[in-house]
């Protein structure tokens, strides 16, 4: 069990504190007029800016980790690298920060799906951080952040009411392709690995449970994405007042 003096704790602390500092810096940037007019949209915009920065850094970082240590694709439990370990700590810090941001901003009810996702993600990452197991699996999981780069762009354009811009139409197709390559494919690979090899081990069973729950959430997000971008329904906007928080 991790002790109070575990060497990963300072890393987690530094990673967690990095994101509030980043948020304060990003808050100095000008806001789109449609965002500036609504305090809720303003909060969500700043939240997405931090999420975009995390996705950009961790997505590229995860690709570099797999390129430098390709055995992570196969030896999901035992493959390890310092870069991969630091990446998992970095992303765990982001999830801690975002959880606190949602709770402090009193957006828990509207963003409950994010809180559930973050709790499961942190539970999985801590196995790599404190037990040095499945660091490779954590890195593969973070390949999803490549997809999240385009997902964050999509959500920021929706919040700023620029869905009619050509960039949005281009991004929605790129986002769909990236969703398949960097979200669905890695998740399917990890699920296959855990179902075949890890179901009989205590930690493997725990992580398999998290993975299966994440699969349900990811498929739900995918269905919502297809419905929103490719089969939109025409409903009065007031019926979806806060839908932008999660869609």
Protein backbone atom coordinates (compact mmCIF):
# COMPACT_ATOMS: atom_id res chain seq x y z
CA UNK A 1 0.00 0.00 0.00
CA UNK A 2 1.25 3.53 -0.73
CA UNK A 3 2.67 5.25 2.32
CA UNK A 4 2.49 8.91 3.20
CA UNK A 5 6.12 9.19 2.10
CA UNK A 6 5.65 7.57 -1.29
CA UNK A 7 7.94 9.34 -3.81
CA UNK A 8 5.07 9.71 -6.28
CA UNK A 9 3.15 12.07 -4.00
CA UNK A 10 5.33 15.14 -4.74
CA UNK A 11 4.95 14.38 -8.46
CA UNK A 12 1.18 14.21 -8.09
CA UNK A 13 1.14 17.43 -6.09
CA UNK A 14 3.20 19.31 -8.67
CA UNK A 15 1.10 17.92 -11.52
CA UNK A 16 -2.14 18.86 -9.77
CA UNK A 17 -1.00 22.41 -8.99
CA UNK A 18 0.19 22.93 -12.57
CA UNK A 19 -3.35 23.09 -13.88
CA UNK A 20 -4.80 25.81 -11.62
CA UNK A 21 -1.78 27.93 -12.56
CA UNK A 22 -2.43 27.20 -16.22
CA UNK A 23 -6.09 28.09 -15.79
CA UNK A 24 -5.23 31.45 -14.26
CA UNK A 25 -2.93 32.20 -17.19
CA UNK A 26 -5.55 31.18 -19.76
CA UNK A 27 -8.18 33.32 -18.04
CA UNK A 28 -6.24 36.37 -19.20
CA UNK A 29 -7.02 35.56 -22.83
CA UNK A 30 -9.96 37.34 -24.50
CA UNK A 31 -13.30 35.53 -24.58
CA UNK A 32 -15.69 35.16 -27.54
CA UNK A 33 -18.66 37.48 -27.15
CA UNK A 34 -21.18 34.63 -26.93
CA UNK A 35 -19.16 33.06 -24.11
CA UNK A 36 -18.52 36.30 -22.24
CA UNK A 37 -22.26 37.00 -21.98
CA UNK A 38 -22.97 33.94 -19.82
CA UNK A 39 -21.09 33.10 -16.56
CA UNK A 40 -21.78 29.38 -17.00
CA UNK A 41 -20.39 29.38 -20.51
CA UNK A 42 -17.40 31.39 -19.28
CA UNK A 43 -16.62 28.74 -16.66
CA UNK A 44 -17.03 25.95 -19.19
CA UNK A 45 -14.83 27.76 -21.70
CA UNK A 46 -11.97 28.07 -19.21
CA UNK A 47 -12.50 24.44 -18.17
CA UNK A 48 -12.24 23.35 -21.80
CA UNK A 49 -9.13 25.47 -22.38
CA UNK A 50 -7.33 23.56 -19.63
CA UNK A 51 -8.70 20.27 -20.97
CA UNK A 52 -7.45 21.16 -24.47
CA UNK A 53 -3.97 21.98 -23.14
CA UNK A 54 -3.88 18.69 -21.24
CA UNK A 55 -5.05 16.74 -24.30
CA UNK A 56 -2.48 18.39 -26.55
CA UNK A 57 0.42 17.68 -24.19
CA UNK A 58 -0.60 14.21 -22.98
CA UNK A 59 -1.77 13.00 -26.40
CA UNK A 60 1.55 13.80 -28.06
CA UNK A 61 3.40 12.52 -24.97
CA UNK A 62 1.53 9.19 -25.10
CA UNK A 63 2.42 8.75 -28.78
CA UNK A 64 6.09 9.41 -27.98
CA UNK A 65 5.99 6.90 -25.11
CA UNK A 66 4.62 4.17 -27.39
CA UNK A 67 7.18 5.04 -30.08
CA UNK A 68 10.05 4.91 -27.57
CA UNK A 69 8.77 1.80 -25.75
CA UNK A 70 6.69 -0.20 -28.27
CA UNK A 71 6.47 -3.19 -25.93
CA UNK A 72 3.78 -1.21 -24.11
CA UNK A 73 1.44 -2.36 -26.87
CA UNK A 74 1.93 -5.98 -25.82
CA UNK A 75 3.30 -6.06 -22.27
CA UNK A 76 0.53 -3.94 -20.86
CA UNK A 77 1.15 -5.01 -17.26
CA UNK A 78 4.95 -5.04 -17.06
CA UNK A 79 6.19 -2.55 -19.68
CA UNK A 80 7.57 0.55 -17.95
CA UNK A 81 9.41 3.72 -18.82
CA UNK A 82 10.21 6.83 -16.84
CA UNK A 83 8.49 8.97 -19.46
CA UNK A 84 5.37 6.83 -19.30
CA UNK A 85 5.34 6.93 -15.51
CA UNK A 86 5.63 10.73 -15.48
CA UNK A 87 2.86 10.96 -18.07
CA UNK A 88 0.50 8.92 -15.88
CA UNK A 89 1.33 11.18 -12.91
CA UNK A 90 0.78 14.28 -15.05
CA UNK A 91 -2.64 13.12 -16.23
CA UNK A 92 -3.70 11.95 -12.77
CA UNK A 93 -2.92 15.50 -11.61
CA UNK A 94 -5.19 16.88 -14.33
CA UNK A 95 -8.08 14.62 -13.31
CA UNK A 96 -7.66 15.65 -9.67
CA UNK A 97 -7.67 19.33 -10.68
CA UNK A 98 -10.71 18.98 -12.95
CA UNK A 99 -12.66 17.10 -10.28
CA UNK A 100 -11.96 19.87 -7.76
CA UNK A 101 -12.81 22.55 -10.35
CA UNK A 102 -16.19 20.95 -11.07
CA UNK A 103 -17.04 20.57 -7.39
CA UNK A 104 -15.88 24.05 -6.34
CA UNK A 105 -17.77 25.61 -9.25
CA UNK A 106 -20.94 23.76 -8.18
CA UNK A 107 -21.28 22.02 -11.52
CA UNK A 108 -21.34 18.48 -10.12
CA UNK A 109 -24.95 17.86 -11.10
CA UNK A 110 -24.52 19.01 -14.70
CA UNK A 111 -21.11 17.32 -15.02
CA UNK A 112 -21.70 14.11 -13.06
CA UNK A 113 -20.56 11.99 -16.02
CA UNK A 114 -17.16 13.67 -15.91
CA UNK A 115 -16.88 13.02 -12.18
CA UNK A 116 -17.64 9.32 -12.63
CA UNK A 117 -15.14 9.11 -15.48
CA UNK A 118 -12.45 10.91 -13.49
CA UNK A 119 -12.95 8.66 -10.46
CA UNK A 120 -12.51 5.54 -12.59
CA UNK A 121 -9.52 6.98 -14.44
CA UNK A 122 -7.76 7.94 -11.21
CA UNK A 123 -8.44 4.51 -9.75
CA UNK A 124 -6.73 2.93 -12.76
CA UNK A 125 -3.82 5.38 -12.84
CA UNK A 126 -3.06 4.94 -9.16
CA UNK A 127 -2.29 1.26 -9.77
CA UNK A 128 0.52 2.37 -12.05
CA UNK A 129 1.66 5.25 -9.85
CA UNK A 130 1.78 3.46 -6.49
CA UNK A 131 2.25 -0.19 -7.50
CA UNK A 132 4.28 0.25 -10.73
CA UNK A 133 1.91 -2.10 -12.54
CA UNK A 134 0.08 -1.41 -15.79
CA UNK A 135 1.99 1.78 -16.58
CA UNK A 136 1.89 0.60 -20.20
CA UNK A 137 -1.87 0.23 -19.92
CA UNK A 138 -2.13 3.76 -18.55
CA UNK A 139 -0.14 5.10 -21.48
CA UNK A 140 -2.35 3.26 -23.97
CA UNK A 141 -5.41 4.65 -22.24
CA UNK A 142 -4.00 8.15 -22.66
CA UNK A 143 -3.83 7.75 -26.43
CA UNK A 144 -7.45 8.84 -26.18
CA UNK A 145 -6.16 12.36 -25.55
CA UNK A 146 -5.20 12.61 -29.23
CA UNK A 147 -8.91 12.24 -29.98
CA UNK A 148 -9.77 14.67 -27.21
CA UNK A 149 -7.81 17.43 -28.94
CA UNK A 150 -10.44 17.53 -31.67
CA UNK A 151 -13.29 16.82 -29.27
CA UNK A 152 -12.32 19.88 -27.22
CA UNK A 153 -12.15 22.01 -30.36
CA UNK A 154 -15.65 20.80 -31.23
CA UNK A 155 -17.08 21.64 -27.82
CA UNK A 156 -15.40 25.05 -27.68
CA UNK A 157 -16.86 25.93 -31.07
CA UNK A 158 -20.31 24.83 -29.93
CA UNK A 159 -20.10 26.95 -26.78
CA UNK A 160 -18.95 29.96 -28.78
CA UNK A 161 -21.85 29.41 -31.21
CA UNK A 162 -19.66 28.94 -34.28
CA UNK A 163 -21.05 25.62 -35.51
CA UNK A 164 -21.66 27.15 -38.94
CA UNK A 165 -17.97 27.86 -39.45
CA UNK A 166 -16.26 25.64 -42.09
CA UNK A 167 -13.70 24.65 -39.46
CA UNK A 168 -16.45 23.01 -37.40
CA UNK A 169 -17.63 20.95 -40.36
CA UNK A 170 -14.07 19.83 -41.11
CA UNK A 171 -13.32 19.11 -37.47
CA UNK A 172 -16.42 16.96 -36.95
CA UNK A 173 -15.20 14.47 -39.58
CA UNK A 174 -11.62 14.54 -38.28
CA UNK A 175 -13.00 14.08 -34.78
CA UNK A 176 -14.97 11.02 -35.90
CA UNK A 177 -11.89 9.40 -37.46
CA UNK A 178 -9.76 10.19 -34.41
CA UNK A 179 -12.47 8.76 -32.18
CA UNK A 180 -12.15 5.42 -33.95
CA UNK A 181 -8.34 5.38 -34.06
CA UNK A 182 -7.42 6.75 -30.65
CA UNK A 183 -10.45 6.02 -28.47
CA UNK A 184 -12.34 2.97 -29.69
CA UNK A 185 -9.35 0.99 -31.01
CA UNK A 186 -7.12 1.31 -27.89
CA UNK A 187 -10.10 0.60 -25.67
CA UNK A 188 -10.92 -2.55 -27.64
CA UNK A 189 -7.27 -3.66 -27.46
CA UNK A 190 -7.12 -3.15 -23.68
CA UNK A 191 -10.45 -4.90 -23.16
CA UNK A 192 -9.26 -7.92 -25.17
CA UNK A 193 -6.05 -8.08 -23.13
CA UNK A 194 -7.79 -7.92 -19.75
CA UNK A 195 -10.51 -10.38 -20.69
CA UNK A 196 -7.96 -12.88 -21.97
CA UNK A 197 -5.11 -12.58 -19.51
CA UNK A 198 -5.98 -10.59 -16.44
CA UNK A 199 -9.41 -11.71 -15.28
CA UNK A 200 -8.03 -14.16 -12.72
CA UNK A 201 -5.75 -11.68 -10.95
CA UNK A 202 -6.97 -9.40 -8.20
CA UNK A 203 -5.65 -6.12 -9.62
CA UNK A 204 -6.45 -7.25 -13.15
CA UNK A 205 -10.05 -7.96 -12.15
CA UNK A 206 -10.33 -4.52 -10.55
CA UNK A 207 -8.98 -2.80 -13.67
CA UNK A 208 -11.15 -4.94 -15.93
CA UNK A 209 -14.21 -3.74 -14.02
CA UNK A 210 -13.16 -0.12 -14.51
CA UNK A 211 -12.44 -0.78 -18.18
CA UNK A 212 -15.85 -2.32 -18.83
CA UNK A 213 -17.60 0.62 -17.16
CA UNK A 214 -15.53 3.02 -19.26
CA UNK A 215 -16.52 1.05 -22.37
CA UNK A 216 -20.19 1.66 -21.60
CA UNK A 217 -19.54 5.38 -21.14
CA UNK A 218 -17.44 5.63 -24.31
CA UNK A 219 -20.09 3.92 -26.43
CA UNK A 220 -22.68 6.26 -24.93
CA UNK A 221 -20.52 9.27 -25.82
CA UNK A 222 -20.06 7.90 -29.34
CA UNK A 223 -23.80 7.50 -29.82
CA UNK A 224 -24.35 11.05 -28.53
CA UNK A 225 -21.63 12.39 -30.83
CA UNK A 226 -23.15 10.76 -33.92
CA UNK A 227 -26.61 11.97 -32.98
CA UNK A 228 -25.48 15.54 -32.29
CA UNK A 229 -23.20 16.09 -35.30
CA UNK A 230 -24.66 13.85 -37.97
CA UNK A 231 -28.34 13.33 -37.04
CA UNK A 232 -29.29 16.52 -35.18
CA UNK A 233 -32.87 16.86 -34.04
CA UNK A 234 -34.69 20.14 -34.19
CA UNK A 235 -35.84 21.05 -30.70
CA UNK A 236 -36.30 24.37 -28.90
CA UNK A 237 -32.97 25.50 -27.48
CA UNK A 238 -34.37 26.00 -23.97
CA UNK A 239 -34.95 22.24 -23.69
CA UNK A 240 -31.18 21.77 -23.79
CA UNK A 241 -30.12 24.78 -21.75
CA UNK A 242 -27.10 23.10 -20.13
CA UNK A 243 -26.56 20.27 -22.61
CA UNK A 244 -23.31 21.86 -23.80
CA UNK A 245 -21.75 20.85 -20.49
CA UNK A 246 -21.54 17.22 -21.54
CA UNK A 247 -22.38 16.78 -25.22
